[in-house]
Amino acid sequence: MGQPGLGKVIFTEEQIQNRVREVAAQINHDYRDRELVVIGMLKGCVYFMTDLTRQLTMPITMDFLSIGVAPSENHKAVAIHFKKSLDIDLQGRHVLLVEDVIGTGLTLGYVCQHLEEAKPASLKICTLLDKPAHRLLTLQIDYCCFEMPEIFLVGYGLDYNNQYRNLPYIAAFHKG
């Protein structure tokens, strides 16, 4: 592979593309004859969301959210804030939120609460990788490509110091 820190390929490009097609087929079935708003959580979802939406057959509108995490005023907690909010109205529309990785669910819970305030007709969650053993908040994950192993991963949108996102596969990464 030739890039420092890269380890074993965990999910090949072929495995990812096959699974994305399977998940897209589920979404196409669930949303047949409906319009769908697909919202991606930046930056990690970009490759996944691009490949996923290319497989969708219903009319879609796309938008993105970007969140930031900063220490709170007392420095004992973190505060989540939106770096980029939505540019479209969600009221009465069917919404699919696309994530790269879902871990504790705390950030995603905050985002879902924010989206629910816009009164969508429905809100479902789609993730590339899920870490259910890390969940601190109960969330309904409607579409999932893979369960994430207990190792640090890069590629296909996942990064280390904003690098390696462009790899067409997902590999283990060894920091240091």
N, C-alpha and C. Protein backbone atom coordinates (compact mmCIF):
# COMPACT_ATOMS: atom_id res chain seq x y z
N MET A 1 0.83 -1.20 0.00
CA MET A 1 0.00 0.00 0.00
C MET A 1 0.86 1.25 0.00
N GLY A 2 1.97 1.22 0.66
CA GLY A 2 2.92 2.32 0.57
C GLY A 2 2.60 3.58 1.33
N GLN A 3 1.53 3.62 2.09
CA GLN A 3 1.20 4.82 2.85
C GLN A 3 1.41 4.53 4.33
N PRO A 4 2.11 5.42 5.05
CA PRO A 4 2.42 5.18 6.46
C PRO A 4 1.17 4.95 7.30
N GLY A 5 1.23 3.93 8.13
CA GLY A 5 0.13 3.65 9.05
C GLY A 5 -0.94 2.73 8.50
N LEU A 6 -1.01 2.57 7.18
CA LEU A 6 -2.07 1.73 6.61
C LEU A 6 -1.82 0.26 6.93
N GLY A 7 -2.88 -0.39 7.35
CA GLY A 7 -2.81 -1.81 7.65
C GLY A 7 -3.67 -2.61 6.71
N LYS A 8 -4.16 -3.69 7.20
CA LYS A 8 -4.96 -4.65 6.43
C LYS A 8 -6.25 -4.00 5.91
N VAL A 9 -6.63 -4.35 4.68
CA VAL A 9 -7.90 -3.91 4.13
C VAL A 9 -9.01 -4.68 4.85
N ILE A 10 -9.94 -3.94 5.43
CA ILE A 10 -11.04 -4.54 6.20
C ILE A 10 -12.26 -4.75 5.31
N PHE A 11 -12.60 -3.74 4.50
CA PHE A 11 -13.69 -3.84 3.54
C PHE A 11 -13.15 -3.41 2.19
N THR A 12 -13.19 -4.32 1.21
CA THR A 12 -12.67 -4.02 -0.12
C THR A 12 -13.62 -3.09 -0.87
N GLU A 13 -13.12 -2.50 -1.94
CA GLU A 13 -13.97 -1.65 -2.77
C GLU A 13 -15.17 -2.44 -3.28
N GLU A 14 -14.96 -3.67 -3.68
CA GLU A 14 -16.05 -4.50 -4.19
C GLU A 14 -17.09 -4.80 -3.10
N GLN A 15 -16.63 -5.13 -1.90
CA GLN A 15 -17.56 -5.38 -0.78
C GLN A 15 -18.39 -4.14 -0.48
N ILE A 16 -17.73 -2.99 -0.47
CA ILE A 16 -18.44 -1.74 -0.17
C ILE A 16 -19.49 -1.47 -1.24
N GLN A 17 -19.11 -1.55 -2.50
CA GLN A 17 -20.05 -1.24 -3.59
C GLN A 17 -21.22 -2.22 -3.61
N ASN A 18 -20.95 -3.50 -3.35
CA ASN A 18 -22.04 -4.48 -3.30
C ASN A 18 -23.01 -4.17 -2.17
N ARG A 19 -22.47 -3.82 -1.01
CA ARG A 19 -23.34 -3.53 0.14
C ARG A 19 -24.11 -2.22 -0.07
N VAL A 20 -23.48 -1.22 -0.68
CA VAL A 20 -24.18 0.03 -0.98
C VAL A 20 -25.36 -0.25 -1.91
N ARG A 21 -25.15 -1.10 -2.91
CA ARG A 21 -26.25 -1.45 -3.83
C ARG A 21 -27.40 -2.14 -3.07
N GLU A 22 -27.05 -3.04 -2.15
CA GLU A 22 -28.08 -3.74 -1.37
C GLU A 22 -28.88 -2.76 -0.50
N VAL A 23 -28.19 -1.86 0.16
CA VAL A 23 -28.87 -0.87 1.01
C VAL A 23 -29.73 0.06 0.14
N ALA A 24 -29.20 0.48 -1.00
CA ALA A 24 -29.97 1.34 -1.91
C ALA A 24 -31.24 0.62 -2.38
N ALA A 25 -31.15 -0.67 -2.64
CA ALA A 25 -32.34 -1.44 -3.06
C ALA A 25 -33.40 -1.43 -1.95
N GLN A 26 -32.97 -1.55 -0.69
CA GLN A 26 -33.90 -1.47 0.44
C GLN A 26 -34.57 -0.09 0.48
N ILE A 27 -33.77 0.96 0.32
CA ILE A 27 -34.30 2.33 0.36
C ILE A 27 -35.25 2.54 -0.81
N ASN A 28 -34.88 2.07 -2.00
CA ASN A 28 -35.77 2.19 -3.17
C ASN A 28 -37.11 1.51 -2.91
N HIS A 29 -37.08 0.36 -2.26
CA HIS A 29 -38.32 -0.34 -1.93
C HIS A 29 -39.14 0.45 -0.91
N ASP A 30 -38.48 0.93 0.14
CA ASP A 30 -39.19 1.62 1.21
C ASP A 30 -39.76 2.97 0.79
N TYR A 31 -39.13 3.62 -0.18
CA TYR A 31 -39.56 4.96 -0.59
C TYR A 31 -40.12 4.99 -2.01
N ARG A 32 -40.51 3.86 -2.55
CA ARG A 32 -41.06 3.86 -3.90
C ARG A 32 -42.27 4.81 -3.95
N ASP A 33 -42.38 5.52 -5.04
CA ASP A 33 -43.47 6.47 -5.26
C ASP A 33 -43.45 7.67 -4.30
N ARG A 34 -42.30 7.94 -3.69
CA ARG A 34 -42.16 9.11 -2.82
C ARG A 34 -40.92 9.89 -3.20
N GLU A 35 -40.91 11.16 -2.85
CA GLU A 35 -39.69 11.95 -2.96
C GLU A 35 -38.93 11.83 -1.65
N LEU A 36 -37.62 11.96 -1.73
CA LEU A 36 -36.79 11.78 -0.56
C LEU A 36 -35.78 12.92 -0.45
N VAL A 37 -35.60 13.42 0.76
CA VAL A 37 -34.54 14.38 1.05
C VAL A 37 -33.42 13.59 1.72
N VAL A 38 -32.24 13.63 1.11
CA VAL A 38 -31.08 12.92 1.64
C VAL A 38 -30.13 13.96 2.22
N ILE A 39 -29.85 13.83 3.52
CA ILE A 39 -28.99 14.78 4.22
C ILE A 39 -27.73 14.04 4.68
N GLY A 40 -26.59 14.57 4.29
CA GLY A 40 -25.32 13.97 4.66
C GLY A 40 -24.63 14.75 5.75
N MET A 41 -23.99 14.01 6.65
CA MET A 41 -23.19 14.62 7.71
C MET A 41 -21.75 14.73 7.20
N LEU A 42 -21.30 15.95 7.00
CA LEU A 42 -19.95 16.19 6.47
C LEU A 42 -18.89 15.92 7.53
N LYS A 43 -17.74 15.52 7.13
CA LYS A 43 -17.21 15.31 5.81
C LYS A 43 -17.21 13.83 5.44
N GLY A 44 -17.27 12.99 6.45
CA GLY A 44 -17.04 11.57 6.23
C GLY A 44 -18.02 10.85 5.33
N CYS A 45 -19.22 11.38 5.16
CA CYS A 45 -20.25 10.67 4.39
C CYS A 45 -20.15 10.89 2.89
N VAL A 46 -19.30 11.78 2.43
CA VAL A 46 -19.35 12.23 1.03
C VAL A 46 -19.26 11.09 0.02
N TYR A 47 -18.28 10.21 0.16
CA TYR A 47 -18.14 9.11 -0.81
C TYR A 47 -19.30 8.13 -0.71
N PHE A 48 -19.67 7.77 0.51
CA PHE A 48 -20.79 6.87 0.73
C PHE A 48 -22.08 7.46 0.19
N MET A 49 -22.36 8.70 0.52
CA MET A 49 -23.60 9.33 0.07
C MET A 49 -23.64 9.46 -1.45
N THR A 50 -22.52 9.78 -2.06
CA THR A 50 -22.46 9.88 -3.51
C THR A 50 -22.81 8.54 -4.16
N ASP A 51 -22.16 7.48 -3.72
CA ASP A 51 -22.42 6.16 -4.30
C ASP A 51 -23.84 5.70 -4.01
N LEU A 52 -24.32 5.96 -2.81
CA LEU A 52 -25.68 5.56 -2.43
C LEU A 52 -26.73 6.28 -3.29
N THR A 53 -26.63 7.59 -3.38
CA THR A 53 -27.66 8.35 -4.10
C THR A 53 -27.65 8.05 -5.60
N ARG A 54 -26.52 7.66 -6.15
CA ARG A 54 -26.48 7.26 -7.57
C ARG A 54 -27.29 6.01 -7.83
N GLN A 55 -27.56 5.23 -6.78
CA GLN A 55 -28.33 3.99 -6.91
C GLN A 55 -29.82 4.19 -6.62
N LEU A 56 -30.19 5.37 -6.12
CA LEU A 56 -31.59 5.60 -5.76
C LEU A 56 -32.40 5.96 -7.00
N THR A 57 -33.63 5.45 -7.05
CA THR A 57 -34.47 5.62 -8.24
C THR A 57 -35.58 6.65 -8.07
N MET A 58 -35.83 7.08 -6.85
CA MET A 58 -36.89 8.07 -6.62
C MET A 58 -36.31 9.48 -6.78
N PRO A 59 -37.15 10.49 -6.95
CA PRO A 59 -36.63 11.86 -6.98
C PRO A 59 -36.04 12.21 -5.62
N ILE A 60 -34.84 12.80 -5.63
CA ILE A 60 -34.21 13.17 -4.36
C ILE A 60 -33.75 14.62 -4.39
N THR A 61 -33.72 15.19 -3.20
CA THR A 61 -33.09 16.48 -2.95
C THR A 61 -31.99 16.19 -1.95
N MET A 62 -30.83 16.79 -2.16
CA MET A 62 -29.71 16.55 -1.25
C MET A 62 -29.30 17.83 -0.55
N ASP A 63 -28.86 17.67 0.69
CA ASP A 63 -28.29 18.78 1.46
C ASP A 63 -27.31 18.18 2.45
N PHE A 64 -26.56 19.04 3.11
CA PHE A 64 -25.53 18.60 4.04
C PHE A 64 -25.60 19.38 5.33
N LEU A 65 -25.19 18.72 6.41
CA LEU A 65 -24.99 19.35 7.71
C LEU A 65 -23.53 19.16 8.09
N SER A 66 -22.99 20.15 8.78
CA SER A 66 -21.66 20.00 9.34
C SER A 66 -21.73 20.47 10.78
N ILE A 67 -21.20 19.63 11.66
CA ILE A 67 -21.21 19.98 13.07
C ILE A 67 -19.80 20.13 13.58
N GLY A 68 -19.68 20.89 14.64
CA GLY A 68 -18.41 21.05 15.31
C GLY A 68 -18.57 20.74 16.77
N VAL A 69 -17.49 20.34 17.38
CA VAL A 69 -17.50 20.05 18.81
C VAL A 69 -16.43 20.92 19.44
N ALA A 70 -16.82 21.68 20.44
CA ALA A 70 -15.88 22.58 21.11
C ALA A 70 -16.05 22.45 22.61
N PRO A 71 -14.99 22.72 23.37
CA PRO A 71 -15.13 22.70 24.83
C PRO A 71 -16.16 23.73 25.28
N SER A 72 -16.93 23.38 26.30
CA SER A 72 -17.89 24.34 26.84
C SER A 72 -17.14 25.39 27.65
N GLU A 73 -17.88 26.37 28.12
CA GLU A 73 -17.26 27.47 28.87
C GLU A 73 -16.52 26.99 30.11
N ASN A 74 -17.04 25.94 30.77
CA ASN A 74 -16.38 25.45 31.98
C ASN A 74 -15.31 24.38 31.67
N HIS A 75 -15.16 24.05 30.40
CA HIS A 75 -14.17 23.09 29.90
C HIS A 75 -14.34 21.68 30.47
N LYS A 76 -15.49 21.41 31.07
CA LYS A 76 -15.74 20.09 31.62
C LYS A 76 -16.61 19.25 30.70
N ALA A 77 -17.14 19.85 29.67
CA ALA A 77 -17.99 19.14 28.72
C ALA A 77 -17.71 19.70 27.34
N VAL A 78 -18.38 19.13 26.37
CA VAL A 78 -18.23 19.66 25.02
C VAL A 78 -19.57 20.20 24.55
N ALA A 79 -19.50 21.17 23.69
CA ALA A 79 -20.72 21.76 23.12
C ALA A 79 -20.72 21.46 21.63
N ILE A 80 -21.85 20.98 21.16
CA ILE A 80 -22.01 20.70 19.73
C ILE A 80 -22.67 21.90 19.09
N HIS A 81 -22.15 22.31 17.96
CA HIS A 81 -22.76 23.42 17.23
C HIS A 81 -22.74 23.11 15.74
N PHE A 82 -23.64 23.73 15.00
CA PHE A 82 -23.71 23.51 13.56
C PHE A 82 -22.78 24.48 12.85
N LYS A 83 -21.85 23.94 12.08
CA LYS A 83 -20.98 24.77 11.23
C LYS A 83 -21.71 25.10 9.94
N LYS A 84 -22.51 24.14 9.46
CA LYS A 84 -23.34 24.34 8.28
C LYS A 84 -24.69 23.71 8.55
N SER A 85 -25.73 24.51 8.46
CA SER A 85 -27.08 24.01 8.66
C SER A 85 -27.72 23.74 7.30
N LEU A 86 -28.96 23.35 7.31
CA LEU A 86 -29.65 23.01 6.06
C LEU A 86 -30.07 24.24 5.29
N ASP A 87 -30.11 24.07 3.98
CA ASP A 87 -30.55 25.14 3.08
C ASP A 87 -31.98 24.91 2.59
N ILE A 88 -32.59 23.81 3.01
CA ILE A 88 -33.93 23.47 2.52
C ILE A 88 -34.89 23.25 3.69
N ASP A 89 -36.18 23.34 3.38
CA ASP A 89 -37.24 23.13 4.36
C ASP A 89 -37.59 21.64 4.40
N LEU A 90 -37.66 21.06 5.57
CA LEU A 90 -37.96 19.64 5.71
C LEU A 90 -39.41 19.35 6.06
N GLN A 91 -40.19 20.36 6.36
CA GLN A 91 -41.56 20.15 6.84
C GLN A 91 -42.36 19.29 5.86
N GLY A 92 -42.92 18.19 6.39
CA GLY A 92 -43.77 17.31 5.61
C GLY A 92 -43.04 16.44 4.61
N ARG A 93 -41.72 16.42 4.65
CA ARG A 93 -40.94 15.65 3.66
C ARG A 93 -40.31 14.42 4.32
N HIS A 94 -40.04 13.43 3.50
CA HIS A 94 -39.37 12.21 3.97
C HIS A 94 -37.87 12.44 3.92
N VAL A 95 -37.21 12.22 5.06
CA VAL A 95 -35.79 12.56 5.21
C VAL A 95 -34.99 11.31 5.54
N LEU A 96 -33.86 11.18 4.86
CA LEU A 96 -32.89 10.13 5.15
C LEU A 96 -31.58 10.81 5.54
N LEU A 97 -31.14 10.58 6.77
CA LEU A 97 -29.89 11.13 7.27
C LEU A 97 -28.79 10.11 7.04
N VAL A 98 -27.72 10.52 6.35
CA VAL A 98 -26.63 9.62 5.99
C VAL A 98 -25.39 9.97 6.80
N GLU A 99 -24.85 8.96 7.49
CA GLU A 99 -23.67 9.10 8.35
C GLU A 99 -22.59 8.14 7.89
N ASP A 100 -21.34 8.46 8.23
CA ASP A 100 -20.26 7.51 7.95
C ASP A 100 -20.14 6.49 9.08
N VAL A 101 -20.07 6.95 10.33
CA VAL A 101 -19.91 6.07 11.49
C VAL A 101 -20.86 6.53 12.59
N ILE A 102 -21.54 5.58 13.21
CA ILE A 102 -22.36 5.87 14.38
C ILE A 102 -21.74 5.12 15.55
N GLY A 103 -21.34 5.89 16.56
CA GLY A 103 -20.73 5.31 17.76
C GLY A 103 -21.65 5.43 18.94
N THR A 104 -21.38 6.38 19.81
CA THR A 104 -22.17 6.54 21.04
C THR A 104 -23.61 6.95 20.74
N GLY A 105 -23.81 7.65 19.63
CA GLY A 105 -25.15 8.12 19.28
C GLY A 105 -25.48 9.48 19.86
N LEU A 106 -24.61 10.02 20.70
CA LEU A 106 -24.92 11.31 21.34
C LEU A 106 -25.00 12.44 20.32
N THR A 107 -24.02 12.54 19.44
CA THR A 107 -24.05 13.60 18.43
C THR A 107 -25.22 13.38 17.48
N LEU A 108 -25.41 12.15 17.06
CA LEU A 108 -26.51 11.85 16.14
C LEU A 108 -27.86 12.14 16.79
N GLY A 109 -27.99 11.86 18.08
CA GLY A 109 -29.22 12.18 18.79
C GLY A 109 -29.50 13.67 18.77
N TYR A 110 -28.46 14.46 18.96
CA TYR A 110 -28.59 15.92 18.90
C TYR A 110 -29.04 16.37 17.51
N VAL A 111 -28.43 15.79 16.49
CA VAL A 111 -28.77 16.15 15.11
C VAL A 111 -30.21 15.74 14.79
N CYS A 112 -30.61 14.54 15.20
CA CYS A 112 -31.98 14.08 14.95
C CYS A 112 -33.00 14.96 15.65
N GLN A 113 -32.71 15.38 16.86
CA GLN A 113 -33.60 16.28 17.59
C GLN A 113 -33.76 17.59 16.81
N HIS A 114 -32.65 18.10 16.29
CA HIS A 114 -32.67 19.32 15.49
C HIS A 114 -33.52 19.13 14.22
N LEU A 115 -33.36 17.99 13.56
CA LEU A 115 -34.12 17.72 12.34
C LEU A 115 -35.60 17.51 12.64
N GLU A 116 -35.92 16.85 13.73
CA GLU A 116 -37.32 16.62 14.11
C GLU A 116 -38.06 17.94 14.35
N GLU A 117 -37.35 18.95 14.82
CA GLU A 117 -37.97 20.26 15.03
C GLU A 117 -38.47 20.87 13.72
N ALA A 118 -37.92 20.42 12.60
CA ALA A 118 -38.35 20.91 11.28
C ALA A 118 -39.61 20.20 10.79
N LYS A 119 -40.12 19.25 11.58
CA LYS A 119 -41.37 18.53 11.32
C LYS A 119 -41.39 17.78 9.98
N PRO A 120 -40.40 16.89 9.76
CA PRO A 120 -40.44 16.07 8.55
C PRO A 120 -41.55 15.02 8.65
N ALA A 121 -42.02 14.52 7.52
CA ALA A 121 -43.02 13.45 7.53
C ALA A 121 -42.42 12.18 8.12
N SER A 122 -41.15 11.94 7.83
CA SER A 122 -40.44 10.81 8.42
C SER A 122 -38.95 11.14 8.44
N LEU A 123 -38.23 10.48 9.35
CA LEU A 123 -36.79 10.64 9.46
C LEU A 123 -36.19 9.27 9.72
N LYS A 124 -35.35 8.82 8.78
CA LYS A 124 -34.66 7.55 8.95
C LYS A 124 -33.15 7.78 8.87
N ILE A 125 -32.41 6.83 9.43
CA ILE A 125 -30.95 6.95 9.52
C ILE A 125 -30.30 5.83 8.71
N CYS A 126 -29.29 6.22 7.93
CA CYS A 126 -28.51 5.28 7.14
C CYS A 126 -27.04 5.51 7.47
N THR A 127 -26.31 4.43 7.78
CA THR A 127 -24.90 4.58 8.11
C THR A 127 -24.05 3.57 7.35
N LEU A 128 -22.85 3.99 7.06
CA LEU A 128 -21.87 3.09 6.46
C LEU A 128 -21.40 2.08 7.51
N LEU A 129 -21.01 2.58 8.68
CA LEU A 129 -20.47 1.75 9.75
C LEU A 129 -21.19 2.03 11.06
N ASP A 130 -21.50 0.97 11.78
CA ASP A 130 -22.18 1.10 13.06
C ASP A 130 -21.34 0.43 14.14
N LYS A 131 -21.29 1.08 15.31
CA LYS A 131 -20.59 0.54 16.47
C LYS A 131 -21.61 0.40 17.61
N PRO A 132 -22.53 -0.56 17.53
CA PRO A 132 -23.61 -0.64 18.52
C PRO A 132 -23.11 -0.88 19.94
N ALA A 133 -21.98 -1.51 20.12
CA ALA A 133 -21.45 -1.77 21.47
C ALA A 133 -21.06 -0.47 22.17
N HIS A 134 -20.85 0.61 21.41
CA HIS A 134 -20.46 1.90 21.99
C HIS A 134 -21.65 2.80 22.28
N ARG A 135 -22.85 2.37 21.92
CA ARG A 135 -24.03 3.21 22.00
C ARG A 135 -24.37 3.60 23.44
N LEU A 136 -24.50 4.90 23.67
CA LEU A 136 -24.96 5.43 24.95
C LEU A 136 -26.39 5.92 24.86
N LEU A 137 -26.85 6.16 23.64
CA LEU A 137 -28.20 6.67 23.39
C LEU A 137 -28.89 5.69 22.45
N THR A 138 -30.09 5.29 22.80
CA THR A 138 -30.84 4.36 21.96
C THR A 138 -31.35 5.08 20.72
N LEU A 139 -30.94 4.58 19.57
CA LEU A 139 -31.36 5.15 18.29
C LEU A 139 -31.79 4.03 17.36
N GLN A 140 -32.77 4.32 16.53
CA GLN A 140 -33.19 3.38 15.50
C GLN A 140 -32.31 3.60 14.27
N ILE A 141 -31.46 2.65 13.93
CA ILE A 141 -30.64 2.72 12.73
C ILE A 141 -31.37 1.91 11.67
N ASP A 142 -31.87 2.58 10.66
CA ASP A 142 -32.75 1.93 9.68
C ASP A 142 -31.99 1.18 8.59
N TYR A 143 -30.84 1.71 8.21
CA TYR A 143 -30.04 1.10 7.15
C TYR A 143 -28.57 1.14 7.56
N CYS A 144 -27.91 0.00 7.51
CA CYS A 144 -26.51 -0.08 7.91
C CYS A 144 -25.77 -0.99 6.94
N CYS A 145 -24.61 -0.53 6.50
CA CYS A 145 -23.80 -1.35 5.59
C CYS A 145 -22.97 -2.38 6.34
N PHE A 146 -22.24 -1.94 7.35
CA PHE A 146 -21.33 -2.85 8.05
C PHE A 146 -21.28 -2.50 9.54
N GLU A 147 -20.99 -3.52 10.35
CA GLU A 147 -20.67 -3.27 11.75
C GLU A 147 -19.17 -3.00 11.81
N MET A 148 -18.80 -1.98 12.57
CA MET A 148 -17.41 -1.55 12.62
C MET A 148 -16.63 -2.36 13.63
N PRO A 149 -15.49 -2.91 13.23
CA PRO A 149 -14.65 -3.63 14.19
C PRO A 149 -14.01 -2.65 15.18
N GLU A 150 -13.44 -3.19 16.22
CA GLU A 150 -12.84 -2.38 17.29
C GLU A 150 -11.41 -1.95 16.93
N ILE A 151 -11.24 -1.38 15.76
CA ILE A 151 -9.95 -0.86 15.33
C ILE A 151 -10.17 0.48 14.63
N PHE A 152 -9.13 1.28 14.54
CA PHE A 152 -9.23 2.57 13.86
C PHE A 152 -9.18 2.32 12.36
N LEU A 153 -10.12 2.92 11.63
CA LEU A 153 -10.24 2.69 10.19
C LEU A 153 -10.08 3.99 9.41
N VAL A 154 -9.57 3.87 8.18
CA VAL A 154 -9.49 4.98 7.24
C VAL A 154 -9.94 4.50 5.87
N GLY A 155 -10.27 5.46 5.03
CA GLY A 155 -10.67 5.17 3.66
C GLY A 155 -12.15 5.34 3.45
N TYR A 156 -12.53 5.53 2.20
CA TYR A 156 -13.93 5.67 1.80
C TYR A 156 -14.65 6.71 2.68
N GLY A 157 -13.96 7.84 2.88
CA GLY A 157 -14.53 8.94 3.66
C GLY A 157 -13.97 9.06 5.06
N LEU A 158 -13.49 7.97 5.61
CA LEU A 158 -12.93 7.98 6.97
C LEU A 158 -11.50 8.49 6.90
N ASP A 159 -11.12 9.31 7.89
CA ASP A 159 -9.82 9.95 7.79
C ASP A 159 -8.98 9.80 9.05
N TYR A 160 -7.72 10.12 8.89
CA TYR A 160 -6.81 10.38 9.98
C TYR A 160 -6.12 11.69 9.64
N ASN A 161 -6.33 12.70 10.46
CA ASN A 161 -5.80 14.05 10.21
C ASN A 161 -6.16 14.55 8.80
N ASN A 162 -7.41 14.32 8.42
CA ASN A 162 -7.94 14.76 7.12
C ASN A 162 -7.25 14.12 5.93
N GLN A 163 -6.62 12.98 6.13
CA GLN A 163 -6.01 12.24 5.02
C GLN A 163 -6.64 10.86 4.93
N TYR A 164 -6.46 10.22 3.80
CA TYR A 164 -6.89 8.86 3.51
C TYR A 164 -8.37 8.74 3.14
N ARG A 165 -9.13 9.83 3.17
CA ARG A 165 -10.57 9.75 2.83
C ARG A 165 -10.79 9.19 1.43
N ASN A 166 -9.87 9.48 0.51
CA ASN A 166 -10.06 9.16 -0.90
C ASN A 166 -9.79 7.70 -1.25
N LEU A 167 -9.35 6.89 -0.31
CA LEU A 167 -9.11 5.48 -0.61
C LEU A 167 -10.44 4.82 -0.98
N PRO A 168 -10.46 3.96 -2.00
CA PRO A 168 -11.72 3.33 -2.41
C PRO A 168 -12.12 2.14 -1.54
N TYR A 169 -11.32 1.81 -0.56
CA TYR A 169 -11.57 0.71 0.37
C TYR A 169 -11.42 1.25 1.79
N ILE A 170 -11.73 0.40 2.77
CA ILE A 170 -11.58 0.78 4.17
C ILE A 170 -10.51 -0.13 4.78
N ALA A 171 -9.51 0.47 5.40
CA ALA A 171 -8.39 -0.28 5.96
C ALA A 171 -8.14 0.08 7.41
N ALA A 172 -7.49 -0.82 8.10
CA ALA A 172 -7.02 -0.54 9.45
C ALA A 172 -5.94 0.52 9.36
N PHE A 173 -5.85 1.31 10.41
CA PHE A 173 -4.81 2.35 10.45
C PHE A 173 -4.15 2.31 11.81
N HIS A 174 -2.84 2.39 11.78
CA HIS A 174 -2.06 2.37 13.01
C HIS A 174 -1.44 3.74 13.21
N LYS A 175 -1.95 4.47 14.21
CA LYS A 175 -1.42 5.81 14.51
C LYS A 175 -0.03 5.69 15.11
N GLY A 176 0.76 6.74 14.87
CA GLY A 176 2.05 6.77 15.54
C GLY A 176 3.14 6.66 14.59
